[in-house]
N, C-alpha and C. Protein backbone atom coordinates (compact mmCIF):
# COMPACT_ATOMS: atom_id res chain seq x y z
N MET A 1 -2.56 29.63 45.96
CA MET A 1 -2.29 29.60 47.40
C MET A 1 -3.10 28.53 48.11
N ILE A 2 -4.43 28.53 47.93
CA ILE A 2 -5.29 27.62 48.68
C ILE A 2 -4.99 26.16 48.38
N GLU A 3 -4.58 25.88 47.15
CA GLU A 3 -4.33 24.48 46.76
C GLU A 3 -3.13 23.89 47.51
N LYS A 4 -2.19 24.73 47.93
CA LYS A 4 -1.01 24.23 48.64
C LYS A 4 -1.42 23.56 49.96
N TYR A 5 -2.41 24.14 50.63
CA TYR A 5 -2.92 23.56 51.86
C TYR A 5 -3.69 22.27 51.58
N LEU A 6 -4.51 22.30 50.54
CA LEU A 6 -5.41 21.18 50.27
C LEU A 6 -4.69 19.96 49.73
N ILE A 7 -3.68 20.15 48.91
CA ILE A 7 -2.97 19.00 48.33
C ILE A 7 -2.36 18.13 49.42
N SER A 8 -1.64 18.75 50.36
CA SER A 8 -1.01 17.97 51.43
C SER A 8 -2.04 17.29 52.31
N THR A 9 -3.16 17.98 52.57
CA THR A 9 -4.22 17.39 53.39
C THR A 9 -4.84 16.18 52.69
N CYS A 10 -5.08 16.30 51.40
CA CYS A 10 -5.66 15.19 50.64
C CYS A 10 -4.73 13.97 50.65
N LEU A 11 -3.45 14.22 50.53
CA LEU A 11 -2.49 13.11 50.54
C LEU A 11 -2.50 12.39 51.89
N PHE A 12 -2.63 13.14 52.99
CA PHE A 12 -2.71 12.53 54.31
C PHE A 12 -3.99 11.71 54.46
N ILE A 13 -5.09 12.22 53.94
CA ILE A 13 -6.36 11.50 54.03
C ILE A 13 -6.29 10.19 53.25
N ILE A 14 -5.72 10.24 52.06
CA ILE A 14 -5.57 9.03 51.25
C ILE A 14 -4.71 8.00 51.99
N ASP A 15 -3.62 8.49 52.59
CA ASP A 15 -2.74 7.59 53.34
C ASP A 15 -3.46 6.98 54.53
N GLU A 16 -4.32 7.77 55.17
CA GLU A 16 -5.11 7.26 56.30
C GLU A 16 -5.98 6.09 55.87
N PHE A 17 -6.71 6.25 54.78
CA PHE A 17 -7.61 5.18 54.34
C PHE A 17 -6.85 3.98 53.78
N ASN A 18 -5.73 4.23 53.13
CA ASN A 18 -4.92 3.10 52.65
C ASN A 18 -4.48 2.22 53.82
N THR A 19 -4.13 2.87 54.93
CA THR A 19 -3.66 2.12 56.11
C THR A 19 -4.82 1.45 56.83
N ARG A 20 -5.91 2.18 57.04
CA ARG A 20 -7.05 1.65 57.79
C ARG A 20 -7.74 0.50 57.08
N LEU A 21 -7.79 0.55 55.76
CA LEU A 21 -8.60 -0.41 55.01
C LEU A 21 -7.79 -1.43 54.23
N GLN A 22 -6.50 -1.52 54.50
CA GLN A 22 -5.66 -2.39 53.70
C GLN A 22 -6.03 -3.87 53.84
N GLU A 23 -6.63 -4.25 54.96
CA GLU A 23 -7.00 -5.65 55.17
C GLU A 23 -8.48 -5.91 54.85
N LYS A 24 -9.21 -4.91 54.43
CA LYS A 24 -10.64 -5.05 54.16
C LYS A 24 -10.89 -5.57 52.75
N THR A 25 -11.98 -6.31 52.60
CA THR A 25 -12.38 -6.78 51.27
C THR A 25 -13.02 -5.64 50.50
N ILE A 26 -13.18 -5.80 49.21
CA ILE A 26 -13.80 -4.75 48.41
C ILE A 26 -15.24 -4.53 48.84
N GLU A 27 -15.93 -5.60 49.26
CA GLU A 27 -17.31 -5.45 49.75
C GLU A 27 -17.35 -4.63 51.02
N GLU A 28 -16.39 -4.84 51.92
CA GLU A 28 -16.33 -4.06 53.17
C GLU A 28 -16.01 -2.60 52.89
N LYS A 29 -15.15 -2.35 51.91
CA LYS A 29 -14.82 -0.97 51.54
C LYS A 29 -16.03 -0.27 50.94
N ARG A 30 -16.78 -1.00 50.11
CA ARG A 30 -17.97 -0.41 49.51
C ARG A 30 -19.03 -0.10 50.56
N TYR A 31 -19.15 -0.96 51.54
CA TYR A 31 -20.12 -0.72 52.61
C TYR A 31 -19.75 0.55 53.38
N MET A 32 -18.48 0.71 53.69
CA MET A 32 -18.05 1.90 54.40
C MET A 32 -18.32 3.15 53.55
N ALA A 33 -18.00 3.06 52.27
CA ALA A 33 -18.17 4.20 51.37
C ALA A 33 -19.62 4.63 51.27
N ASN A 34 -20.53 3.67 51.23
CA ASN A 34 -21.94 3.96 50.98
C ASN A 34 -22.78 4.14 52.23
N GLU A 35 -22.38 3.52 53.33
CA GLU A 35 -23.23 3.49 54.52
C GLU A 35 -22.62 4.18 55.75
N GLU A 36 -21.30 4.20 55.86
CA GLU A 36 -20.69 4.67 57.11
C GLU A 36 -20.01 6.03 56.99
N PHE A 37 -19.57 6.39 55.81
CA PHE A 37 -18.85 7.65 55.63
C PHE A 37 -19.81 8.70 55.07
N SER A 38 -19.63 9.95 55.47
CA SER A 38 -20.54 11.00 55.03
C SER A 38 -19.75 12.22 54.55
N GLU A 39 -20.46 13.13 53.93
CA GLU A 39 -19.83 14.37 53.47
C GLU A 39 -19.30 15.17 54.66
N ALA A 40 -20.01 15.14 55.78
CA ALA A 40 -19.54 15.85 56.97
C ALA A 40 -18.20 15.30 57.44
N ASP A 41 -18.00 13.99 57.34
CA ASP A 41 -16.72 13.38 57.71
C ASP A 41 -15.59 13.94 56.85
N LEU A 42 -15.88 14.10 55.57
CA LEU A 42 -14.85 14.60 54.66
C LEU A 42 -14.56 16.08 54.92
N VAL A 43 -15.60 16.86 55.19
CA VAL A 43 -15.43 18.28 55.48
C VAL A 43 -14.51 18.47 56.69
N VAL A 44 -14.75 17.71 57.75
CA VAL A 44 -13.94 17.84 58.96
C VAL A 44 -12.49 17.47 58.70
N ARG A 45 -12.27 16.41 57.94
CA ARG A 45 -10.90 16.00 57.64
C ARG A 45 -10.16 17.07 56.82
N LEU A 46 -10.84 17.65 55.85
CA LEU A 46 -10.20 18.67 55.02
C LEU A 46 -9.93 19.96 55.79
N GLY A 47 -10.77 20.26 56.76
CA GLY A 47 -10.60 21.49 57.51
C GLY A 47 -9.71 21.35 58.73
N TYR A 48 -9.42 20.13 59.13
CA TYR A 48 -8.67 19.89 60.37
C TYR A 48 -7.32 20.62 60.44
N PRO A 49 -6.53 20.64 59.36
CA PRO A 49 -5.22 21.30 59.46
C PRO A 49 -5.31 22.79 59.79
N PHE A 50 -6.45 23.43 59.53
CA PHE A 50 -6.60 24.84 59.84
C PHE A 50 -6.92 25.08 61.32
N LYS A 51 -7.18 23.96 62.05
CA LYS A 51 -7.44 24.03 63.49
C LYS A 51 -8.56 25.01 63.82
N ASN A 52 -8.30 25.88 64.81
CA ASN A 52 -9.34 26.80 65.28
C ASN A 52 -9.63 27.95 64.33
N MET A 53 -8.87 28.07 63.26
CA MET A 53 -9.13 29.13 62.29
C MET A 53 -10.31 28.79 61.39
N ALA A 54 -10.67 27.51 61.32
CA ALA A 54 -11.70 27.08 60.38
C ALA A 54 -13.09 27.09 61.01
N ASN A 55 -14.06 27.56 60.24
CA ASN A 55 -15.47 27.45 60.59
C ASN A 55 -16.12 26.45 59.65
N PHE A 56 -16.93 25.55 60.21
CA PHE A 56 -17.57 24.51 59.42
C PHE A 56 -19.07 24.74 59.35
N ASN A 57 -19.62 24.44 58.19
CA ASN A 57 -21.07 24.52 58.02
C ASN A 57 -21.58 23.16 57.63
N MET A 58 -22.51 22.61 58.43
CA MET A 58 -23.07 21.29 58.16
C MET A 58 -24.56 21.37 57.85
N GLN A 59 -25.10 22.57 57.70
CA GLN A 59 -26.54 22.73 57.55
C GLN A 59 -26.96 23.15 56.14
N GLY A 60 -26.04 23.18 55.20
CA GLY A 60 -26.40 23.53 53.84
C GLY A 60 -26.52 25.01 53.58
N LYS A 61 -26.10 25.85 54.54
CA LYS A 61 -26.15 27.29 54.37
C LYS A 61 -24.73 27.84 54.48
N GLY A 62 -24.33 28.64 53.52
CA GLY A 62 -22.98 29.14 53.52
C GLY A 62 -22.02 28.14 52.92
N HIS A 63 -20.75 28.29 53.22
CA HIS A 63 -19.72 27.45 52.63
C HIS A 63 -19.31 26.36 53.62
N ASP A 64 -18.85 25.24 53.09
CA ASP A 64 -18.52 24.09 53.94
C ASP A 64 -17.37 24.41 54.89
N ILE A 65 -16.34 25.07 54.38
CA ILE A 65 -15.19 25.45 55.21
C ILE A 65 -14.85 26.91 54.92
N VAL A 66 -14.75 27.71 55.98
CA VAL A 66 -14.35 29.11 55.84
C VAL A 66 -13.19 29.37 56.79
N VAL A 67 -12.10 29.90 56.25
CA VAL A 67 -10.94 30.27 57.07
C VAL A 67 -10.78 31.78 56.93
N LYS A 68 -11.41 32.52 57.83
CA LYS A 68 -11.50 33.98 57.70
C LYS A 68 -10.13 34.64 57.71
N GLN A 69 -9.24 34.15 58.56
CA GLN A 69 -7.93 34.79 58.67
C GLN A 69 -7.15 34.79 57.36
N LYS A 70 -7.42 33.80 56.52
CA LYS A 70 -6.73 33.69 55.24
C LYS A 70 -7.62 34.05 54.06
N GLY A 71 -8.89 34.29 54.33
CA GLY A 71 -9.81 34.63 53.25
C GLY A 71 -10.21 33.44 52.39
N PHE A 72 -10.08 32.21 52.94
CA PHE A 72 -10.37 31.00 52.17
C PHE A 72 -11.84 30.58 52.30
N LYS A 73 -12.40 30.11 51.19
CA LYS A 73 -13.73 29.51 51.19
C LYS A 73 -13.65 28.22 50.37
N ILE A 74 -14.15 27.13 50.94
CA ILE A 74 -14.04 25.82 50.30
C ILE A 74 -15.39 25.13 50.29
N GLU A 75 -15.77 24.64 49.13
CA GLU A 75 -16.96 23.80 49.00
C GLU A 75 -16.49 22.36 48.83
N VAL A 76 -17.21 21.44 49.48
CA VAL A 76 -16.82 20.03 49.48
C VAL A 76 -17.98 19.18 49.02
N LYS A 77 -17.70 18.20 48.19
CA LYS A 77 -18.73 17.25 47.76
C LYS A 77 -18.17 15.83 47.87
N TYR A 78 -18.90 15.00 48.60
CA TYR A 78 -18.53 13.58 48.73
C TYR A 78 -19.42 12.78 47.79
N LEU A 79 -18.81 12.01 46.90
CA LEU A 79 -19.54 11.21 45.93
C LEU A 79 -19.65 9.77 46.41
N ARG A 80 -20.87 9.26 46.39
CA ARG A 80 -21.07 7.87 46.77
C ARG A 80 -22.31 7.33 46.05
N ASN A 81 -22.52 6.03 46.17
CA ASN A 81 -23.72 5.41 45.61
C ASN A 81 -24.87 5.57 46.58
N PHE A 82 -26.06 5.76 46.03
CA PHE A 82 -27.26 5.88 46.84
C PHE A 82 -28.20 4.72 46.56
N ASN A 83 -29.03 4.35 47.54
CA ASN A 83 -30.09 3.37 47.28
C ASN A 83 -31.05 3.93 46.26
N SER A 84 -31.43 3.11 45.30
CA SER A 84 -32.38 3.55 44.29
C SER A 84 -33.24 2.35 43.89
N TYR A 85 -34.35 2.64 43.24
CA TYR A 85 -35.27 1.59 42.83
C TYR A 85 -35.56 1.70 41.33
N SER A 86 -35.68 0.58 40.68
CA SER A 86 -36.22 0.54 39.34
C SER A 86 -37.64 -0.01 39.45
N GLN A 87 -38.42 0.13 38.41
CA GLN A 87 -39.79 -0.37 38.45
C GLN A 87 -39.81 -1.88 38.69
N SER A 88 -38.90 -2.59 38.05
CA SER A 88 -38.88 -4.04 38.22
C SER A 88 -38.43 -4.44 39.61
N SER A 89 -37.48 -3.69 40.18
CA SER A 89 -36.98 -4.05 41.51
C SER A 89 -38.00 -3.73 42.58
N LYS A 90 -38.86 -2.73 42.34
CA LYS A 90 -39.90 -2.43 43.31
C LYS A 90 -40.83 -3.62 43.49
N ALA A 91 -41.14 -4.26 42.39
CA ALA A 91 -42.03 -5.42 42.45
C ALA A 91 -41.41 -6.54 43.26
N ARG A 92 -40.08 -6.62 43.21
CA ARG A 92 -39.38 -7.67 43.95
C ARG A 92 -38.92 -7.18 45.33
N ASN A 93 -39.25 -5.91 45.64
CA ASN A 93 -38.87 -5.32 46.92
C ASN A 93 -37.36 -5.36 47.14
N LYS A 94 -36.63 -5.03 46.08
CA LYS A 94 -35.18 -5.04 46.16
C LYS A 94 -34.63 -3.65 45.83
N THR A 95 -33.48 -3.36 46.40
CA THR A 95 -32.81 -2.10 46.09
C THR A 95 -31.51 -2.41 45.35
N TYR A 96 -31.02 -1.44 44.66
CA TYR A 96 -29.70 -1.53 44.09
C TYR A 96 -29.04 -0.17 44.22
N LYS A 97 -27.73 -0.15 44.11
CA LYS A 97 -26.98 1.10 44.25
C LYS A 97 -26.87 1.79 42.90
N SER A 98 -27.11 3.09 42.90
CA SER A 98 -26.98 3.84 41.65
C SER A 98 -26.21 5.12 41.91
N ASN A 99 -25.80 5.79 40.83
CA ASN A 99 -25.09 7.05 40.99
C ASN A 99 -26.05 8.15 41.41
N LYS A 100 -25.49 9.30 41.77
CA LYS A 100 -26.34 10.43 42.11
C LYS A 100 -27.20 10.78 40.91
N THR A 101 -28.45 11.06 41.14
CA THR A 101 -29.36 11.24 40.03
C THR A 101 -29.42 12.67 39.51
N ILE A 102 -28.99 13.65 40.32
CA ILE A 102 -29.11 15.05 39.91
C ILE A 102 -27.71 15.64 39.72
N TRP A 103 -27.34 15.86 38.49
CA TRP A 103 -26.04 16.42 38.15
C TRP A 103 -25.82 17.78 38.80
N TYR A 104 -26.86 18.60 38.80
CA TYR A 104 -26.74 19.95 39.33
C TYR A 104 -26.31 19.94 40.79
N ASP A 105 -26.92 19.10 41.59
CA ASP A 105 -26.61 19.05 43.02
C ASP A 105 -25.27 18.36 43.30
N SER A 106 -24.93 17.38 42.50
CA SER A 106 -23.73 16.60 42.78
C SER A 106 -22.44 17.25 42.28
N PHE A 107 -22.57 18.19 41.32
CA PHE A 107 -21.35 18.84 40.82
C PHE A 107 -21.58 20.27 40.35
N GLN A 108 -22.53 20.47 39.46
CA GLN A 108 -22.66 21.74 38.74
C GLN A 108 -22.86 22.95 39.64
N LYS A 109 -23.66 22.79 40.69
CA LYS A 109 -23.95 23.93 41.57
C LYS A 109 -22.69 24.50 42.20
N ASP A 110 -21.88 23.64 42.78
CA ASP A 110 -20.66 24.12 43.44
C ASP A 110 -19.61 24.56 42.42
N PHE A 111 -19.58 23.92 41.27
CA PHE A 111 -18.63 24.33 40.23
C PHE A 111 -19.00 25.72 39.70
N ASP A 112 -20.30 25.97 39.53
CA ASP A 112 -20.75 27.30 39.09
C ASP A 112 -20.37 28.37 40.12
N TRP A 113 -20.52 28.02 41.41
CA TRP A 113 -20.12 28.96 42.47
C TRP A 113 -18.64 29.30 42.33
N LEU A 114 -17.80 28.28 42.12
CA LEU A 114 -16.36 28.52 41.97
C LEU A 114 -16.07 29.43 40.79
N CYS A 115 -16.73 29.17 39.67
CA CYS A 115 -16.53 30.00 38.48
C CYS A 115 -16.87 31.46 38.76
N THR A 116 -17.97 31.69 39.46
CA THR A 116 -18.38 33.05 39.79
C THR A 116 -17.37 33.73 40.71
N GLU A 117 -16.89 32.99 41.71
CA GLU A 117 -15.91 33.55 42.65
C GLU A 117 -14.62 33.93 41.93
N ILE A 118 -14.15 33.06 41.06
CA ILE A 118 -12.90 33.33 40.32
C ILE A 118 -13.10 34.51 39.37
N LYS A 119 -14.26 34.56 38.75
CA LYS A 119 -14.58 35.67 37.85
C LYS A 119 -14.58 37.00 38.60
N ASN A 120 -14.91 36.93 39.91
CA ASN A 120 -14.96 38.14 40.74
C ASN A 120 -13.63 38.44 41.43
N GLY A 121 -12.57 37.77 41.00
CA GLY A 121 -11.24 38.10 41.50
C GLY A 121 -10.77 37.31 42.71
N GLU A 122 -11.42 36.20 43.02
CA GLU A 122 -11.07 35.42 44.21
C GLU A 122 -10.13 34.24 43.91
N LYS A 123 -9.51 34.24 42.76
CA LYS A 123 -8.56 33.18 42.41
C LYS A 123 -7.50 33.06 43.49
N GLY A 124 -7.26 31.83 43.97
CA GLY A 124 -6.27 31.60 45.03
C GLY A 124 -6.87 31.54 46.40
N ASN A 125 -8.13 31.99 46.55
CA ASN A 125 -8.79 31.99 47.85
C ASN A 125 -9.97 31.02 47.93
N VAL A 126 -10.37 30.45 46.81
CA VAL A 126 -11.55 29.59 46.79
C VAL A 126 -11.20 28.26 46.13
N ALA A 127 -11.93 27.22 46.56
CA ALA A 127 -11.70 25.89 45.98
C ALA A 127 -12.96 25.04 46.11
N PHE A 128 -13.10 24.12 45.19
CA PHE A 128 -14.16 23.12 45.21
C PHE A 128 -13.48 21.76 45.20
N VAL A 129 -13.73 20.97 46.23
CA VAL A 129 -13.08 19.67 46.38
C VAL A 129 -14.11 18.56 46.32
N ILE A 130 -13.88 17.57 45.46
CA ILE A 130 -14.72 16.38 45.46
C ILE A 130 -13.86 15.19 45.87
N GLY A 131 -14.45 14.30 46.66
CA GLY A 131 -13.74 13.12 47.11
C GLY A 131 -14.61 11.89 47.03
N TRP A 132 -14.01 10.73 46.82
CA TRP A 132 -14.77 9.49 46.70
C TRP A 132 -13.87 8.29 46.94
N PHE A 133 -14.49 7.21 47.40
CA PHE A 133 -13.76 5.96 47.58
C PHE A 133 -13.60 5.27 46.23
N ASN A 134 -12.44 4.72 46.02
CA ASN A 134 -12.12 4.01 44.78
C ASN A 134 -12.60 2.56 44.87
N VAL A 135 -13.93 2.39 44.85
CA VAL A 135 -14.50 1.05 45.07
C VAL A 135 -15.45 0.62 43.95
N VAL A 136 -15.50 1.38 42.87
CA VAL A 136 -16.32 1.01 41.71
C VAL A 136 -15.42 1.01 40.48
N ASP A 137 -15.84 0.30 39.45
CA ASP A 137 -14.96 0.12 38.29
C ASP A 137 -15.02 1.26 37.29
N SER A 138 -15.89 2.24 37.52
CA SER A 138 -15.95 3.39 36.62
C SER A 138 -16.41 4.62 37.38
N PHE A 139 -15.76 5.75 37.12
CA PHE A 139 -16.14 7.02 37.74
C PHE A 139 -17.59 7.37 37.43
N SER A 140 -18.10 6.90 36.31
CA SER A 140 -19.48 7.21 35.91
C SER A 140 -20.52 6.55 36.81
N LYS A 141 -20.10 5.62 37.66
CA LYS A 141 -21.05 4.95 38.55
C LYS A 141 -21.35 5.79 39.80
N ILE A 142 -20.58 6.82 40.03
CA ILE A 142 -20.85 7.67 41.18
C ILE A 142 -21.13 9.12 40.77
N LEU A 143 -20.99 9.41 39.49
CA LEU A 143 -21.29 10.76 38.99
C LEU A 143 -21.95 10.63 37.63
N GLN A 144 -23.00 11.38 37.43
CA GLN A 144 -23.80 11.26 36.22
C GLN A 144 -23.09 11.93 35.04
N LEU A 145 -22.46 11.13 34.21
CA LEU A 145 -21.67 11.65 33.10
C LEU A 145 -22.28 11.31 31.74
N GLY A 146 -23.50 10.79 31.76
CA GLY A 146 -24.15 10.42 30.51
C GLY A 146 -25.13 11.47 30.01
N GLN A 147 -25.61 11.26 28.80
CA GLN A 147 -26.57 12.18 28.18
C GLN A 147 -27.99 11.96 28.69
N GLY A 148 -28.23 10.81 29.25
CA GLY A 148 -29.58 10.51 29.73
C GLY A 148 -29.52 9.47 30.83
N LYS A 149 -30.68 8.94 31.18
CA LYS A 149 -30.76 7.94 32.23
C LYS A 149 -30.51 6.55 31.65
N GLY A 150 -30.53 5.56 32.54
CA GLY A 150 -30.28 4.20 32.11
C GLY A 150 -28.96 3.70 32.66
N CYS A 151 -28.72 2.41 32.52
CA CYS A 151 -27.53 1.81 33.10
C CYS A 151 -26.27 2.08 32.27
N CYS A 152 -26.43 2.40 30.99
CA CYS A 152 -25.26 2.59 30.14
C CYS A 152 -25.54 3.66 29.07
N PRO A 153 -25.68 4.92 29.48
CA PRO A 153 -25.99 5.97 28.50
C PRO A 153 -24.77 6.39 27.69
N LYS A 154 -25.02 7.17 26.67
CA LYS A 154 -23.94 7.76 25.89
C LYS A 154 -23.25 8.84 26.72
N VAL A 155 -21.98 9.04 26.45
CA VAL A 155 -21.18 10.03 27.17
C VAL A 155 -21.67 11.44 26.88
N ASN A 156 -21.77 12.25 27.93
CA ASN A 156 -22.00 13.68 27.78
C ASN A 156 -20.62 14.33 27.72
N VAL A 157 -20.21 14.70 26.53
CA VAL A 157 -18.85 15.19 26.31
C VAL A 157 -18.58 16.47 27.10
N THR A 158 -19.55 17.36 27.16
CA THR A 158 -19.38 18.62 27.88
C THR A 158 -19.07 18.36 29.35
N ARG A 159 -19.77 17.43 29.95
CA ARG A 159 -19.51 17.10 31.36
C ARG A 159 -18.15 16.44 31.52
N CYS A 160 -17.84 15.50 30.67
CA CYS A 160 -16.57 14.77 30.80
C CYS A 160 -15.37 15.69 30.65
N ASN A 161 -15.50 16.75 29.87
CA ASN A 161 -14.40 17.69 29.67
C ASN A 161 -14.06 18.46 30.94
N LEU A 162 -14.94 18.43 31.93
CA LEU A 162 -14.67 19.09 33.20
C LEU A 162 -13.76 18.26 34.10
N PHE A 163 -13.46 17.03 33.66
CA PHE A 163 -12.65 16.11 34.47
C PHE A 163 -11.43 15.68 33.65
N PRO A 164 -10.34 16.43 33.69
CA PRO A 164 -9.17 16.12 32.88
C PRO A 164 -8.52 14.78 33.20
N PHE A 165 -8.91 14.18 34.31
CA PHE A 165 -8.29 12.94 34.76
C PHE A 165 -9.04 11.68 34.31
N ILE A 166 -10.05 11.84 33.46
CA ILE A 166 -10.76 10.67 32.92
C ILE A 166 -10.70 10.69 31.40
N LYS A 167 -10.97 9.54 30.82
CA LYS A 167 -11.05 9.45 29.36
C LYS A 167 -12.19 8.50 29.00
N TYR A 168 -12.78 8.75 27.84
CA TYR A 168 -13.85 7.88 27.34
C TYR A 168 -13.44 7.30 26.00
N ASN A 169 -14.06 6.20 25.65
CA ASN A 169 -13.77 5.50 24.40
C ASN A 169 -14.47 6.22 23.26
N THR A 170 -13.72 6.79 22.35
CA THR A 170 -14.31 7.57 21.26
C THR A 170 -15.04 6.69 20.24
N LYS A 171 -14.84 5.39 20.31
CA LYS A 171 -15.53 4.48 19.39
C LYS A 171 -16.91 4.09 19.93
N THR A 172 -16.97 3.75 21.22
CA THR A 172 -18.25 3.34 21.80
C THR A 172 -19.04 4.52 22.34
N MET A 173 -18.33 5.53 22.88
CA MET A 173 -18.96 6.73 23.48
C MET A 173 -19.96 6.35 24.57
N LEU A 174 -19.64 5.31 25.36
CA LEU A 174 -20.51 4.86 26.43
C LEU A 174 -19.87 5.17 27.79
N THR A 175 -20.69 5.54 28.76
CA THR A 175 -20.16 5.89 30.08
C THR A 175 -19.48 4.69 30.76
N LYS A 176 -19.91 3.49 30.44
CA LYS A 176 -19.32 2.30 31.09
C LYS A 176 -17.85 2.12 30.72
N ASP A 177 -17.42 2.78 29.66
CA ASP A 177 -16.03 2.65 29.21
C ASP A 177 -15.14 3.78 29.69
N ILE A 178 -15.66 4.64 30.55
CA ILE A 178 -14.85 5.74 31.09
C ILE A 178 -13.79 5.17 32.04
N GLU A 179 -12.57 5.65 31.89
CA GLU A 179 -11.45 5.17 32.70
C GLU A 179 -10.68 6.37 33.28
N TYR A 180 -9.91 6.11 34.34
CA TYR A 180 -9.05 7.13 34.92
C TYR A 180 -7.76 7.26 34.10
N ARG A 181 -7.25 8.48 34.04
CA ARG A 181 -5.92 8.71 33.51
C ARG A 181 -4.98 8.88 34.71
N TYR A 182 -4.54 7.76 35.25
CA TYR A 182 -3.76 7.84 36.49
C TYR A 182 -2.42 8.54 36.30
N TYR A 183 -1.93 8.60 35.09
CA TYR A 183 -0.67 9.29 34.85
C TYR A 183 -0.81 10.80 35.07
N ARG A 184 -2.04 11.28 35.23
CA ARG A 184 -2.25 12.70 35.50
C ARG A 184 -2.36 13.02 36.99
N ASN A 185 -2.08 12.05 37.83
CA ASN A 185 -2.09 12.25 39.26
C ASN A 185 -1.12 13.35 39.66
N LEU A 186 -1.61 14.29 40.51
CA LEU A 186 -0.81 15.38 41.06
C LEU A 186 -0.23 16.32 40.00
N LYS A 187 -0.91 16.41 38.86
CA LYS A 187 -0.51 17.35 37.82
C LYS A 187 -1.65 18.36 37.62
N GLU A 188 -1.27 19.60 37.42
CA GLU A 188 -2.26 20.66 37.28
C GLU A 188 -2.72 20.80 35.83
N TYR A 189 -4.03 20.83 35.65
CA TYR A 189 -4.61 21.01 34.32
C TYR A 189 -5.61 22.16 34.36
N THR A 190 -5.89 22.68 33.20
CA THR A 190 -6.81 23.81 33.07
C THR A 190 -8.14 23.36 32.49
N VAL A 191 -9.22 23.82 33.09
CA VAL A 191 -10.56 23.56 32.57
C VAL A 191 -11.03 24.82 31.86
N ASP A 192 -11.33 24.71 30.59
CA ASP A 192 -11.72 25.88 29.80
C ASP A 192 -13.18 26.25 30.06
N ILE A 193 -13.37 27.47 30.53
CA ILE A 193 -14.71 28.00 30.79
C ILE A 193 -14.83 29.35 30.10
N ALA A 194 -15.88 29.54 29.32
CA ALA A 194 -16.07 30.79 28.60
C ALA A 194 -16.32 31.95 29.56
N ASP A 195 -15.90 33.14 29.17
CA ASP A 195 -16.17 34.39 29.89
C ASP A 195 -15.42 34.52 31.22
N ILE A 196 -14.39 33.69 31.43
CA ILE A 196 -13.60 33.81 32.65
C ILE A 196 -12.14 34.05 32.24
N ASP A 197 -11.59 35.19 32.67
CA ASP A 197 -10.24 35.56 32.28
C ASP A 197 -9.20 34.67 32.95
N ASP A 198 -9.36 34.42 34.26
CA ASP A 198 -8.42 33.57 34.98
C ASP A 198 -8.71 32.10 34.70
N ASP A 199 -7.66 31.29 34.73
CA ASP A 199 -7.84 29.86 34.53
C ASP A 199 -8.54 29.23 35.72
N ILE A 200 -9.32 28.19 35.45
CA ILE A 200 -9.81 27.32 36.51
C ILE A 200 -8.98 26.06 36.42
N ASN A 201 -8.23 25.81 37.48
CA ASN A 201 -7.32 24.67 37.48
C ASN A 201 -7.95 23.47 38.16
N CYS A 202 -7.49 22.30 37.75
CA CYS A 202 -7.96 21.05 38.34
C CYS A 202 -6.76 20.17 38.62
N MET A 203 -6.76 19.56 39.81
CA MET A 203 -5.73 18.58 40.13
C MET A 203 -6.38 17.32 40.68
N PHE A 204 -6.06 16.20 40.07
CA PHE A 204 -6.53 14.90 40.52
C PHE A 204 -5.48 14.29 41.44
N ILE A 205 -5.93 13.71 42.55
CA ILE A 205 -5.01 13.11 43.50
C ILE A 205 -5.46 11.68 43.77
N GLY A 206 -4.66 10.73 43.35
CA GLY A 206 -5.00 9.33 43.57
C GLY A 206 -4.28 8.43 42.59
N ASN A 207 -3.89 7.27 43.06
CA ASN A 207 -3.31 6.23 42.22
C ASN A 207 -4.24 5.03 42.18
N LYS A 208 -3.99 4.12 41.26
CA LYS A 208 -4.87 2.97 41.05
C LYS A 208 -5.08 2.17 42.33
N ASN A 209 -4.06 2.05 43.15
CA ASN A 209 -4.15 1.24 44.36
C ASN A 209 -4.60 2.02 45.59
N ASP A 210 -4.85 3.31 45.44
CA ASP A 210 -5.32 4.11 46.56
C ASP A 210 -6.80 3.86 46.81
N VAL A 211 -7.18 3.82 48.08
CA VAL A 211 -8.57 3.57 48.46
C VAL A 211 -9.45 4.79 48.21
N PHE A 212 -8.85 5.98 48.28
CA PHE A 212 -9.62 7.21 48.16
C PHE A 212 -9.02 8.10 47.08
N HIS A 213 -9.89 8.84 46.39
CA HIS A 213 -9.45 9.76 45.34
C HIS A 213 -10.01 11.16 45.61
N PHE A 214 -9.29 12.17 45.10
CA PHE A 214 -9.73 13.56 45.18
C PHE A 214 -9.59 14.25 43.83
N ALA A 215 -10.41 15.26 43.62
CA ALA A 215 -10.20 16.23 42.55
C ALA A 215 -10.40 17.61 43.17
N ILE A 216 -9.44 18.49 42.97
CA ILE A 216 -9.50 19.85 43.51
C ILE A 216 -9.63 20.82 42.34
N TYR A 217 -10.63 21.69 42.41
CA TYR A 217 -10.80 22.76 41.43
C TYR A 217 -10.52 24.08 42.13
N TYR A 218 -9.72 24.93 41.51
CA TYR A 218 -9.32 26.17 42.18
C TYR A 218 -8.91 27.24 41.16
């Protein structure tokens, strides 16, 4: 049930950014993604179709979007690059953009919440939505999908299996070789989680030429 509302909303948001940013350079798009857009912006856009029925939380307490009349609870995560420093760059007083450094905060925490809710019988009423601008050449640059730190770690297979819309090179097993499976756009897939009777479904929304991408877990 809940995904029916979210899919159409995500498509409208993608269309909005495709139209707004069609004349922008890739550098301008990256600047907007990293400096001008925030998770709160995404929360408001996703909740807008519910109008006055939706309650928003911007303080880190409770759920990002709650629609009491329908019993819906939605967690939202916006993925972007953050300023970071290496030891060598500190000496040169330079920054570079890196992916989120804590896997638990960027994905696992909200995914675990969804698993618990579904296990408790809330299938159809809860969802976890992640969104990001399509401005980097690999999904691994905005989400920590490797086994360790560094610019090019080995793939963490357990993590990658949570994203049915990506694939990694089985020969190199390096995060830099992770690619999107765009042919899986708008198709429902199942994420296997132990000890949960109901399926956890995932839908990826985005094409190669789209400025923005979504993944919905429900």
